[in-house]
PDB file of N, CA and C in Angstrom:
ATOM      1  N   MET A   1       9.375 -19.826   2.344  1.00  0.00           N
ATOM      2  CA  MET A   1       9.065 -21.223   2.184  1.00  0.00           C
ATOM      3  C   MET A   1       7.534 -21.389   2.225  1.00  0.00           C
ATOM      4  N   ALA A   2       6.992 -22.116   1.268  1.00  0.00           N
ATOM      5  CA  ALA A   2       5.554 -22.368   1.204  1.00  0.00           C
ATOM      6  C   ALA A   2       5.180 -23.481   2.180  1.00  0.00           C
ATOM      7  N   ARG A   3       4.087 -23.248   2.917  1.00  0.00           N
ATOM      8  CA  ARG A   3       3.584 -24.263   3.856  1.00  0.00           C
ATOM      9  C   ARG A   3       2.090 -24.391   3.662  1.00  0.00           C
ATOM     10  N   PRO A   4       1.559 -25.602   3.765  1.00  0.00           N
ATOM     11  CA  PRO A   4       0.110 -25.770   3.697  1.00  0.00           C
ATOM     12  C   PRO A   4      -0.570 -25.025   4.851  1.00  0.00           C
ATOM     13  N   ALA A   5      -1.742 -24.482   4.603  1.00  0.00           N
ATOM     14  CA  ALA A   5      -2.473 -23.724   5.630  1.00  0.00           C
ATOM     15  C   ALA A   5      -2.688 -24.549   6.895  1.00  0.00           C
ATOM     16  N   ALA A   6      -2.865 -25.852   6.751  1.00  0.00           N
ATOM     17  CA  ALA A   6      -3.098 -26.712   7.908  1.00  0.00           C
ATOM     18  C   ALA A   6      -1.908 -26.738   8.863  1.00  0.00           C
ATOM     19  N   GLN A   7      -0.730 -26.368   8.377  1.00  0.00           N
ATOM     20  CA  GLN A   7       0.463 -26.359   9.217  1.00  0.00           C
ATOM     21  C   GLN A   7       0.703 -25.010   9.885  1.00  0.00           C
ATOM     22  N   LEU A   8      -0.122 -24.017   9.584  1.00  0.00           N
ATOM     23  CA  LEU A   8       0.027 -22.704  10.201  1.00  0.00           C
ATOM     24  C   LEU A   8      -0.662 -22.690  11.562  1.00  0.00           C
ATOM     25  N   SER A   9      -0.191 -21.829  12.433  1.00  0.00           N
ATOM     26  CA  SER A   9      -0.860 -21.671  13.732  1.00  0.00           C
ATOM     27  C   SER A   9      -2.186 -20.946  13.501  1.00  0.00           C
ATOM     28  N   LEU A  10      -3.056 -20.973  14.503  1.00  0.00           N
ATOM     29  CA  LEU A  10      -4.335 -20.271  14.394  1.00  0.00           C
ATOM     30  C   LEU A  10      -4.110 -18.785  14.129  1.00  0.00           C
ATOM     31  N   GLY A  11      -3.178 -18.181  14.854  1.00  0.00           N
ATOM     32  CA  GLY A  11      -2.881 -16.765  14.655  1.00  0.00           C
ATOM     33  C   GLY A  11      -2.389 -16.470  13.250  1.00  0.00           C
ATOM     34  N   GLN A  12      -1.541 -17.348  12.703  1.00  0.00           N
ATOM     35  CA  GLN A  12      -1.040 -17.162  11.336  1.00  0.00           C
ATOM     36  C   GLN A  12      -2.172 -17.282  10.318  1.00  0.00           C
ATOM     37  N   ARG A  13      -3.072 -18.248  10.530  1.00  0.00           N
ATOM     38  CA  ARG A  13      -4.215 -18.397   9.614  1.00  0.00           C
ATOM     39  C   ARG A  13      -5.121 -17.175   9.665  1.00  0.00           C
ATOM     40  N   MET A  14      -5.358 -16.637  10.884  1.00  0.00           N
ATOM     41  CA  MET A  14      -6.196 -15.454  11.020  1.00  0.00           C
ATOM     42  C   MET A  14      -5.558 -14.255  10.323  1.00  0.00           C
ATOM     43  N   ARG A  15      -4.251 -14.112  10.443  1.00  0.00           N
ATOM     44  CA  ARG A  15      -3.558 -13.012   9.761  1.00  0.00           C
ATOM     45  C   ARG A  15      -3.717 -13.145   8.246  1.00  0.00           C
ATOM     46  N   CYS A  16      -3.672 -14.354   7.736  1.00  0.00           N
ATOM     47  CA  CYS A  16      -3.872 -14.568   6.295  1.00  0.00           C
ATOM     48  C   CYS A  16      -5.287 -14.189   5.879  1.00  0.00           C
ATOM     49  N   GLU A  17      -6.266 -14.557   6.683  1.00  0.00           N
ATOM     50  CA  GLU A  17      -7.652 -14.201   6.380  1.00  0.00           C
ATOM     51  C   GLU A  17      -7.840 -12.693   6.387  1.00  0.00           C
ATOM     52  N   ILE A  18      -7.222 -12.020   7.347  1.00  0.00           N
ATOM     53  CA  ILE A  18      -7.319 -10.570   7.427  1.00  0.00           C
ATOM     54  C   ILE A  18      -6.676  -9.940   6.201  1.00  0.00           C
ATOM     55  N   ALA A  19      -5.498 -10.439   5.822  1.00  0.00           N
ATOM     56  CA  ALA A  19      -4.796  -9.898   4.664  1.00  0.00           C
ATOM     57  C   ALA A  19      -5.593 -10.103   3.388  1.00  0.00           C
ATOM     58  N   ALA A  20      -6.310 -11.227   3.304  1.00  0.00           N
ATOM     59  CA  ALA A  20      -7.113 -11.504   2.114  1.00  0.00           C
ATOM     60  C   ALA A  20      -8.296 -10.555   2.025  1.00  0.00           C
ATOM     61  N   GLY A  21      -8.780 -10.064   3.179  1.00  0.00           N
ATOM     62  CA  GLY A  21      -9.879  -9.111   3.189  1.00  0.00           C
ATOM     63  C   GLY A  21     -11.220  -9.764   2.969  1.00  0.00           C
ATOM     64  N   PRO A  22     -12.282  -8.937   3.047  1.00  0.00           N
ATOM     65  CA  PRO A  22     -13.628  -9.464   2.850  1.00  0.00           C
ATOM     66  C   PRO A  22     -13.850  -9.838   1.389  1.00  0.00           C
ATOM     67  N   PRO A  23     -14.825 -10.689   1.110  1.00  0.00           N
ATOM     68  CA  PRO A  23     -15.118 -11.039  -0.284  1.00  0.00           C
ATOM     69  C   PRO A  23     -15.421  -9.790  -1.087  1.00  0.00           C
ATOM     70  N   ALA A  24     -15.024  -9.783  -2.346  1.00  0.00           N
ATOM     71  CA  ALA A  24     -15.200  -8.610  -3.201  1.00  0.00           C
ATOM     72  C   ALA A  24     -16.665  -8.203  -3.332  1.00  0.00           C
ATOM     73  N   CYS A  25     -17.582  -9.145  -3.210  1.00  0.00           N
ATOM     74  CA  CYS A  25     -18.996  -8.839  -3.382  1.00  0.00           C
ATOM     75  C   CYS A  25     -19.635  -8.288  -2.111  1.00  0.00           C
ATOM     76  N   ALA A  26     -18.908  -8.299  -1.006  1.00  0.00           N
ATOM     77  CA  ALA A  26     -19.498  -7.862   0.265  1.00  0.00           C
ATOM     78  C   ALA A  26     -19.542  -6.343   0.341  1.00  0.00           C
ATOM     79  N   GLU A  27     -20.722  -5.793   0.626  1.00  0.00           N
ATOM     80  CA  GLU A  27     -20.843  -4.354   0.828  1.00  0.00           C
ATOM     81  C   GLU A  27     -20.407  -3.985   2.233  1.00  0.00           C
ATOM     82  N   ASP A  28     -20.698  -4.825   3.187  1.00  0.00           N
ATOM     83  CA  ASP A  28     -20.333  -4.591   4.577  1.00  0.00           C
ATOM     84  C   ASP A  28     -19.512  -5.765   5.071  1.00  0.00           C
ATOM     85  N   PRO A  29     -18.399  -5.474   5.738  1.00  0.00           N
ATOM     86  CA  PRO A  29     -17.617  -6.583   6.278  1.00  0.00           C
ATOM     87  C   PRO A  29     -18.338  -7.264   7.440  1.00  0.00           C
ATOM     88  N   VAL A  30     -18.242  -8.579   7.499  1.00  0.00           N
ATOM     89  CA  VAL A  30     -18.852  -9.348   8.585  1.00  0.00           C
ATOM     90  C   VAL A  30     -17.791 -10.281   9.149  1.00  0.00           C
ATOM     91  N   PRO A  31     -16.890  -9.745   9.976  1.00  0.00           N
ATOM     92  CA  PRO A  31     -15.855 -10.618  10.523  1.00  0.00           C
ATOM     93  C   PRO A  31     -16.401 -11.560  11.593  1.00  0.00           C
ATOM     94  N   ASP A  32     -16.091 -12.846  11.454  1.00  0.00           N
ATOM     95  CA  ASP A  32     -16.528 -13.859  12.414  1.00  0.00           C
ATOM     96  C   ASP A  32     -15.357 -14.177  13.328  1.00  0.00           C
ATOM     97  N   GLU A  33     -15.459 -13.782  14.599  1.00  0.00           N
ATOM     98  CA  GLU A  33     -14.389 -13.992  15.581  1.00  0.00           C
ATOM     99  C   GLU A  33     -13.049 -13.531  14.996  1.00  0.00           C
ATOM    100  N   PRO A  34     -12.956 -12.267  14.541  1.00  0.00           N
ATOM    101  CA  PRO A  34     -11.771 -11.842  13.795  1.00  0.00           C
ATOM    102  C   PRO A  34     -10.473 -11.807  14.591  1.00  0.00           C
ATOM    103  N   THR A  35     -10.533 -11.711  15.906  1.00  0.00           N
ATOM    104  CA  THR A  35      -9.288 -11.590  16.672  1.00  0.00           C
ATOM    105  C   THR A  35      -8.870 -12.883  17.355  1.00  0.00           C
ATOM    106  N   ILE A  36      -9.613 -13.960  17.144  1.00  0.00           N
ATOM    107  CA  ILE A  36      -9.277 -15.229  17.786  1.00  0.00           C
ATOM    108  C   ILE A  36      -7.880 -15.671  17.333  1.00  0.00           C
ATOM    109  N   GLY A  37      -7.052 -16.032  18.284  1.00  0.00           N
ATOM    110  CA  GLY A  37      -5.720 -16.531  17.972  1.00  0.00           C
ATOM    111  C   GLY A  37      -4.686 -15.453  17.715  1.00  0.00           C
ATOM    112  N   LEU A  38      -5.083 -14.173  17.707  1.00  0.00           N
ATOM    113  CA  LEU A  38      -4.120 -13.112  17.447  1.00  0.00           C
ATOM    114  C   LEU A  38      -3.428 -12.691  18.738  1.00  0.00           C
ATOM    115  N   ASP A  39      -2.194 -12.224  18.602  1.00  0.00           N
ATOM    116  CA  ASP A  39      -1.497 -11.704  19.771  1.00  0.00           C
ATOM    117  C   ASP A  39      -2.077 -10.335  20.121  1.00  0.00           C
ATOM    118  N   VAL A  40      -1.715  -9.808  21.266  1.00  0.00           N
ATOM    119  CA  VAL A  40      -2.283  -8.565  21.786  1.00  0.00           C
ATOM    120  C   VAL A  40      -2.096  -7.404  20.808  1.00  0.00           C
ATOM    121  N   THR A  41      -0.927  -7.306  20.211  1.00  0.00           N
ATOM    122  CA  THR A  41      -0.634  -6.208  19.292  1.00  0.00           C
ATOM    123  C   THR A  41      -1.476  -6.304  18.027  1.00  0.00           C
ATOM    124  N   ALA A  42      -1.553  -7.491  17.446  1.00  0.00           N
ATOM    125  CA  ALA A  42      -2.346  -7.679  16.232  1.00  0.00           C
ATOM    126  C   ALA A  42      -3.832  -7.467  16.517  1.00  0.00           C
ATOM    127  N   LYS A  43      -4.292  -7.923  17.682  1.00  0.00           N
ATOM    128  CA  LYS A  43      -5.685  -7.749  18.077  1.00  0.00           C
ATOM    129  C   LYS A  43      -6.029  -6.259  18.167  1.00  0.00           C
ATOM    130  N   ALA A  44      -5.168  -5.474  18.810  1.00  0.00           N
ATOM    131  CA  ALA A  44      -5.405  -4.032  18.945  1.00  0.00           C
ATOM    132  C   ALA A  44      -5.394  -3.351  17.579  1.00  0.00           C
ATOM    133  N   ALA A  45      -4.482  -3.749  16.711  1.00  0.00           N
ATOM    134  CA  ALA A  45      -4.406  -3.153  15.378  1.00  0.00           C
ATOM    135  C   ALA A  45      -5.663  -3.455  14.569  1.00  0.00           C
ATOM    136  N   LEU A  46      -6.162  -4.680  14.669  1.00  0.00           N
ATOM    137  CA  LEU A  46      -7.371  -5.037  13.929  1.00  0.00           C
ATOM    138  C   LEU A  46      -8.581  -4.292  14.487  1.00  0.00           C
ATOM    139  N   ARG A  47      -8.694  -4.193  15.799  1.00  0.00           N
ATOM    140  CA  ARG A  47      -9.794  -3.427  16.404  1.00  0.00           C
ATOM    141  C   ARG A  47      -9.751  -1.975  15.913  1.00  0.00           C
ATOM    142  N   ASP A  48      -8.557  -1.371  15.911  1.00  0.00           N
ATOM    143  CA  ASP A  48      -8.408   0.012  15.450  1.00  0.00           C
ATOM    144  C   ASP A  48      -8.829   0.140  13.983  1.00  0.00           C
ATOM    145  N   HIS A  49      -8.420  -0.816  13.179  1.00  0.00           N
ATOM    146  CA  HIS A  49      -8.762  -0.789  11.752  1.00  0.00           C
ATOM    147  C   HIS A  49     -10.284  -0.868  11.552  1.00  0.00           C
ATOM    148  N   LEU A  50     -10.944  -1.771  12.255  1.00  0.00           N
ATOM    149  CA  LEU A  50     -12.396  -1.901  12.119  1.00  0.00           C
ATOM    150  C   LEU A  50     -13.107  -0.632  12.592  1.00  0.00           C
ATOM    151  N   ASN A  51     -12.628  -0.039  13.669  1.00  0.00           N
ATOM    152  CA  ASN A  51     -13.215   1.215  14.144  1.00  0.00           C
ATOM    153  C   ASN A  51     -13.024   2.328  13.123  1.00  0.00           C
ATOM    154  N   GLU A  52     -11.847   2.426  12.559  1.00  0.00           N
ATOM    155  CA  GLU A  52     -11.577   3.459  11.551  1.00  0.00           C
ATOM    156  C   GLU A  52     -12.440   3.241  10.316  1.00  0.00           C
ATOM    157  N   LEU A  53     -12.557   2.010   9.882  1.00  0.00           N
ATOM    158  CA  LEU A  53     -13.386   1.671   8.728  1.00  0.00           C
ATOM    159  C   LEU A  53     -14.830   2.105   8.960  1.00  0.00           C
ATOM    160  N   ALA A  54     -15.343   1.803  10.138  1.00  0.00           N
ATOM    161  CA  ALA A  54     -16.733   2.137  10.459  1.00  0.00           C
ATOM    162  C   ALA A  54     -16.943   3.644  10.527  1.00  0.00           C
ATOM    163  N   ARG A  55     -16.017   4.349  11.124  1.00  0.00           N
ATOM    164  CA  ARG A  55     -16.211   5.790  11.335  1.00  0.00           C
ATOM    165  C   ARG A  55     -15.884   6.619  10.089  1.00  0.00           C
ATOM    166  N   ALA A  56     -14.803   6.297   9.402  1.00  0.00           N
ATOM    167  CA  ALA A  56     -14.372   7.100   8.254  1.00  0.00           C
ATOM    168  C   ALA A  56     -15.318   6.966   7.066  1.00  0.00           C
ATOM    169  N   ASP A  57     -15.759   5.763   6.812  1.00  0.00           N
ATOM    170  CA  ASP A  57     -16.588   5.508   5.636  1.00  0.00           C
ATOM    171  C   ASP A  57     -18.061   5.344   5.968  1.00  0.00           C
ATOM    172  N   GLY A  58     -18.402   5.357   7.254  1.00  0.00           N
ATOM    173  CA  GLY A  58     -19.788   5.115   7.638  1.00  0.00           C
ATOM    174  C   GLY A  58     -20.205   3.680   7.365  1.00  0.00           C
ATOM    175  N   THR A  59     -19.221   2.796   7.323  1.00  0.00           N
ATOM    176  CA  THR A  59     -19.473   1.390   7.035  1.00  0.00           C
ATOM    177  C   THR A  59     -20.031   0.695   8.275  1.00  0.00           C
ATOM    178  N   THR A  60     -21.007  -0.151   8.076  1.00  0.00           N
ATOM    179  CA  THR A  60     -21.531  -0.973   9.164  1.00  0.00           C
ATOM    180  C   THR A  60     -20.662  -2.208   9.291  1.00  0.00           C
ATOM    181  N   VAL A  61     -20.182  -2.471  10.482  1.00  0.00           N
ATOM    182  CA  VAL A  61     -19.397  -3.671  10.738  1.00  0.00           C
ATOM    183  C   VAL A  61     -20.238  -4.577  11.622  1.00  0.00           C
ATOM    184  N   VAL A  62     -20.588  -5.739  11.096  1.00  0.00           N
ATOM    185  CA  VAL A  62     -21.329  -6.733  11.870  1.00  0.00           C
ATOM    186  C   VAL A  62     -20.297  -7.717  12.389  1.00  0.00           C
ATOM    187  N   LEU A  63     -20.110  -7.718  13.692  1.00  0.00           N
ATOM    188  CA  LEU A  63     -19.076  -8.530  14.321  1.00  0.00           C
ATOM    189  C   LEU A  63     -19.715  -9.694  15.061  1.00  0.00           C
ATOM    190  N   THR A  64     -19.281 -10.899  14.771  1.00  0.00           N
ATOM    191  CA  THR A  64     -19.724 -12.039  15.577  1.00  0.00           C
ATOM    192  C   THR A  64     -18.553 -12.413  16.470  1.00  0.00           C
ATOM    193  N   SER A  65     -18.797 -12.412  17.776  1.00  0.00           N
ATOM    194  CA  SER A  65     -17.693 -12.667  18.692  1.00  0.00           C
ATOM    195  C   SER A  65     -18.192 -13.072  20.068  1.00  0.00           C
ATOM    196  N   HIS A  66     -17.375 -13.857  20.744  1.00  0.00           N
ATOM    197  CA  HIS A  66     -17.597 -14.180  22.143  1.00  0.00           C
ATOM    198  C   HIS A  66     -16.653 -13.352  23.009  1.00  0.00           C
ATOM    199  N   ASP A  67     -15.765 -12.597  22.371  1.00  0.00           N
ATOM    200  CA  ASP A  67     -14.758 -11.808  23.072  1.00  0.00           C
ATOM    201  C   ASP A  67     -15.373 -10.469  23.488  1.00  0.00           C
ATOM    202  N   THR A  68     -15.666 -10.329  24.771  1.00  0.00           N
ATOM    203  CA  THR A  68     -16.310  -9.101  25.241  1.00  0.00           C
ATOM    204  C   THR A  68     -15.417  -7.889  25.051  1.00  0.00           C
ATOM    205  N   GLY A  69     -14.111  -8.076  25.065  1.00  0.00           N
ATOM    206  CA  GLY A  69     -13.199  -6.967  24.801  1.00  0.00           C
ATOM    207  C   GLY A  69     -13.378  -6.430  23.396  1.00  0.00           C
ATOM    208  N   ASP A  70     -13.479  -7.334  22.416  1.00  0.00           N
ATOM    209  CA  ASP A  70     -13.730  -6.915  21.028  1.00  0.00           C
ATOM    210  C   ASP A  70     -15.063  -6.183  20.936  1.00  0.00           C
ATOM    211  N   ILE A  71     -16.070  -6.755  21.550  1.00  0.00           N
ATOM    212  CA  ILE A  71     -17.410  -6.176  21.479  1.00  0.00           C
ATOM    213  C   ILE A  71     -17.407  -4.767  22.062  1.00  0.00           C
ATOM    214  N   GLU A  72     -16.813  -4.598  23.242  1.00  0.00           N
ATOM    215  CA  GLU A  72     -16.807  -3.287  23.897  1.00  0.00           C
ATOM    216  C   GLU A  72     -15.978  -2.254  23.141  1.00  0.00           C
ATOM    217  N   LYS A  73     -14.918  -2.684  22.475  1.00  0.00           N
ATOM    218  CA  LYS A  73     -14.052  -1.732  21.787  1.00  0.00           C
ATOM    219  C   LYS A  73     -14.488  -1.432  20.357  1.00  0.00           C
ATOM    220  N   ILE A  74     -15.307  -2.282  19.761  1.00  0.00           N
ATOM    221  CA  ILE A  74     -15.693  -2.104  18.367  1.00  0.00           C
ATOM    222  C   ILE A  74     -17.162  -1.711  18.211  1.00  0.00           C
ATOM    223  N   CYS A  75     -18.025  -2.269  19.042  1.00  0.00           N
ATOM    224  CA  CYS A  75     -19.465  -2.131  18.816  1.00  0.00           C
ATOM    225  C   CYS A  75     -20.118  -1.045  19.667  1.00  0.00           C
ATOM    226  N   GLU A  76     -21.181  -0.492  19.132  1.00  0.00           N
ATOM    227  CA  GLU A  76     -22.023   0.442  19.876  1.00  0.00           C
ATOM    228  C   GLU A  76     -23.326  -0.233  20.286  1.00  0.00           C
ATOM    229  N   ARG A  77     -23.649  -1.289  19.605  1.00  0.00           N
ATOM    230  CA  ARG A  77     -24.922  -1.983  19.799  1.00  0.00           C
ATOM    231  C   ARG A  77     -24.669  -3.484  19.779  1.00  0.00           C
ATOM    232  N   ALA A  78     -25.498  -4.223  20.498  1.00  0.00           N
ATOM    233  CA  ALA A  78     -25.344  -5.679  20.541  1.00  0.00           C
ATOM    234  C   ALA A  78     -26.658  -6.354  20.199  1.00  0.00           C
ATOM    235  N   ILE A  79     -26.541  -7.419  19.457  1.00  0.00           N
ATOM    236  CA  ILE A  79     -27.677  -8.280  19.158  1.00  0.00           C
ATOM    237  C   ILE A  79     -27.299  -9.652  19.699  1.00  0.00           C
ATOM    238  N   VAL A  80     -28.122 -10.171  20.587  1.00  0.00           N
ATOM    239  CA  VAL A  80     -27.852 -11.474  21.188  1.00  0.00           C
ATOM    240  C   VAL A  80     -28.850 -12.468  20.618  1.00  0.00           C
ATOM    241  N   ILE A  81     -28.312 -13.552  20.063  1.00  0.00           N
ATOM    242  CA  ILE A  81     -29.135 -14.595  19.465  1.00  0.00           C
ATOM    243  C   ILE A  81     -28.833 -15.899  20.190  1.00  0.00           C
ATOM    244  N   ASP A  82     -29.873 -16.604  20.599  1.00  0.00           N
ATOM    245  CA  ASP A  82     -29.715 -17.878  21.300  1.00  0.00           C
ATOM    246  C   ASP A  82     -30.514 -18.939  20.559  1.00  0.00           C
ATOM    247  N   HIS A  83     -29.831 -19.919  20.026  1.00  0.00           N
ATOM    248  CA  HIS A  83     -30.461 -21.001  19.269  1.00  0.00           C
ATOM    249  C   HIS A  83     -31.390 -20.456  18.185  1.00  0.00           C
ATOM    250  N   GLY A  84     -30.909 -19.425  17.465  1.00  0.00           N
ATOM    251  CA  GLY A  84     -31.672 -18.863  16.356  1.00  0.00           C
ATOM    252  C   GLY A  84     -32.775 -17.897  16.772  1.00  0.00           C
ATOM    253  N   ARG A  85     -32.908 -17.652  18.060  1.00  0.00           N
ATOM    254  CA  ARG A  85     -33.964 -16.757  18.553  1.00  0.00           C
ATOM    255  C   ARG A  85     -33.342 -15.447  19.022  1.00  0.00           C
ATOM    256  N   LEU A  86     -33.887 -14.321  18.563  1.00  0.00           N
ATOM    257  CA  LEU A  86     -33.402 -13.010  18.980  1.00  0.00           C
ATOM    258  C   LEU A  86     -33.750 -12.798  20.447  1.00  0.00           C
ATOM    259  N   ILE A  87     -32.743 -12.586  21.263  1.00  0.00           N
ATOM    260  CA  ILE A  87     -32.923 -12.383  22.701  1.00  0.00           C
ATOM    261  C   ILE A  87     -32.904 -10.897  23.033  1.00  0.00           C
ATOM    262  N   MET A  88     -31.995 -10.154  22.391  1.00  0.00           N
ATOM    263  CA  MET A  88     -31.866  -8.737  22.691  1.00  0.00           C
ATOM    264  C   MET A  88     -31.256  -8.003  21.511  1.00  0.00           C
ATOM    265  N   ASP A  89     -31.694  -6.787  21.297  1.00  0.00           N
ATOM    266  CA  ASP A  89     -31.140  -5.879  20.300  1.00  0.00           C
ATOM    267  C   ASP A  89     -31.110  -4.513  20.970  1.00  0.00           C
ATOM    268  N   SER A  90     -29.935  -4.112  21.468  1.00  0.00           N
ATOM    269  CA  SER A  90     -29.871  -2.885  22.258  1.00  0.00           C
ATOM    270  C   SER A  90     -28.466  -2.308  22.276  1.00  0.00           C
ATOM    271  N   SER A  91     -28.333  -1.193  22.959  1.00  0.00           N
ATOM    272  CA  SER A  91     -27.012  -0.600  23.163  1.00  0.00           C
ATOM    273  C   SER A  91     -26.228  -1.487  24.130  1.00  0.00           C
ATOM    274  N   LEU A  92     -24.903  -1.306  24.132  1.00  0.00           N
ATOM    275  CA  LEU A  92     -24.088  -2.075  25.073  1.00  0.00           C
ATOM    276  C   LEU A  92     -24.426  -1.712  26.512  1.00  0.00           C
ATOM    277  N   ALA A  93     -24.744  -0.443  26.758  1.00  0.00           N
ATOM    278  CA  ALA A  93     -25.109  -0.015  28.120  1.00  0.00           C
ATOM    279  C   ALA A  93     -26.358  -0.756  28.587  1.00  0.00           C
ATOM    280  N   GLU A  94     -27.338  -0.885  27.717  1.00  0.00           N
ATOM    281  CA  GLU A  94     -28.558  -1.608  28.097  1.00  0.00           C
ATOM    282  C   GLU A  94     -28.276  -3.094  28.293  1.00  0.00           C
ATOM    283  N   LEU A  95     -27.433  -3.651  27.468  1.00  0.00           N
ATOM    284  CA  LEU A  95     -27.059  -5.060  27.623  1.00  0.00           C
ATOM    285  C   LEU A  95     -26.422  -5.287  28.993  1.00  0.00           C
ATOM    286  N   ARG A  96     -25.506  -4.396  29.393  1.00  0.00           N
ATOM    287  CA  ARG A  96     -24.876  -4.508  30.715  1.00  0.00           C
ATOM    288  C   ARG A  96     -25.921  -4.436  31.828  1.00  0.00           C
ATOM    289  N   ARG A  97     -26.839  -3.450  31.726  1.00  0.00           N
ATOM    290  CA  ARG A  97     -27.882  -3.302  32.768  1.00  0.00           C
ATOM    291  C   ARG A  97     -28.738  -4.547  32.862  1.00  0.00           C
ATOM    292  N   GLU A  98     -29.175  -5.082  31.729  1.00  0.00           N
ATOM    293  CA  GLU A  98     -30.014  -6.276  31.709  1.00  0.00           C
ATOM    294  C   GLU A  98     -29.269  -7.478  32.302  1.00  0.00           C
ATOM    295  N   PHE A  99     -28.002  -7.616  31.899  1.00  0.00           N
ATOM    296  CA  PHE A  99     -27.215  -8.752  32.378  1.00  0.00           C
ATOM    297  C   PHE A  99     -26.993  -8.650  33.885  1.00  0.00           C
ATOM    298  N   LEU A 100     -26.593  -7.463  34.348  1.00  0.00           N
ATOM    299  CA  LEU A 100     -26.310  -7.273  35.772  1.00  0.00           C
ATOM    300  C   LEU A 100     -27.586  -7.384  36.618  1.00  0.00           C
ATOM    301  N   ALA A 101     -28.728  -7.077  36.010  1.00  0.00           N
ATOM    302  CA  ALA A 101     -29.994  -7.166  36.734  1.00  0.00           C
ATOM    303  C   ALA A 101     -30.471  -8.623  36.829  1.00  0.00           C
ATOM    304  N   GLY A 102     -29.776  -9.519  36.138  1.00  0.00           N
ATOM    305  CA  GLY A 102     -30.151 -10.934  36.196  1.00  0.00           C
ATOM    306  C   GLY A 102     -31.283 -11.307  35.269  1.00  0.00           C
ATOM    307  N   ALA A 103     -31.513 -10.497  34.247  1.00  0.00           N
ATOM    308  CA  ALA A 103     -32.595 -10.776  33.300  1.00  0.00           C
ATOM    309  C   ALA A 103     -32.294 -11.988  32.430  1.00  0.00           C
ATOM    310  N   TRP A 104     -31.056 -12.489  32.514  1.00  0.00           N
ATOM    311  CA  TRP A 104     -30.675 -13.623  31.676  1.00  0.00           C
ATOM    312  C   TRP A 104     -30.840 -14.873  32.476  1.00  0.00           C
TER     313      TRP A 104
END
């Protein structure tokens, strides 16, 4: 049965976006909050897929997310931007040290 996208749940809409894939003109995927609204199983599958994509093809994945779980499982490096200003560009280990040291 066909339903308008507005009637789908957030998780269903995200699954549709994932299935549609990145724009054909994109050289590197840039998922924006890709796991928001997904259940635990779908979230893990998407994280695994992004990791495989990055490692198998040497593809750079630029992930925008507030989900620290996604960041820790997908990224090796973090760039923190606050109101358009670059705050930090470092490894996740350095980000943790800076944050825990109260540099923020």
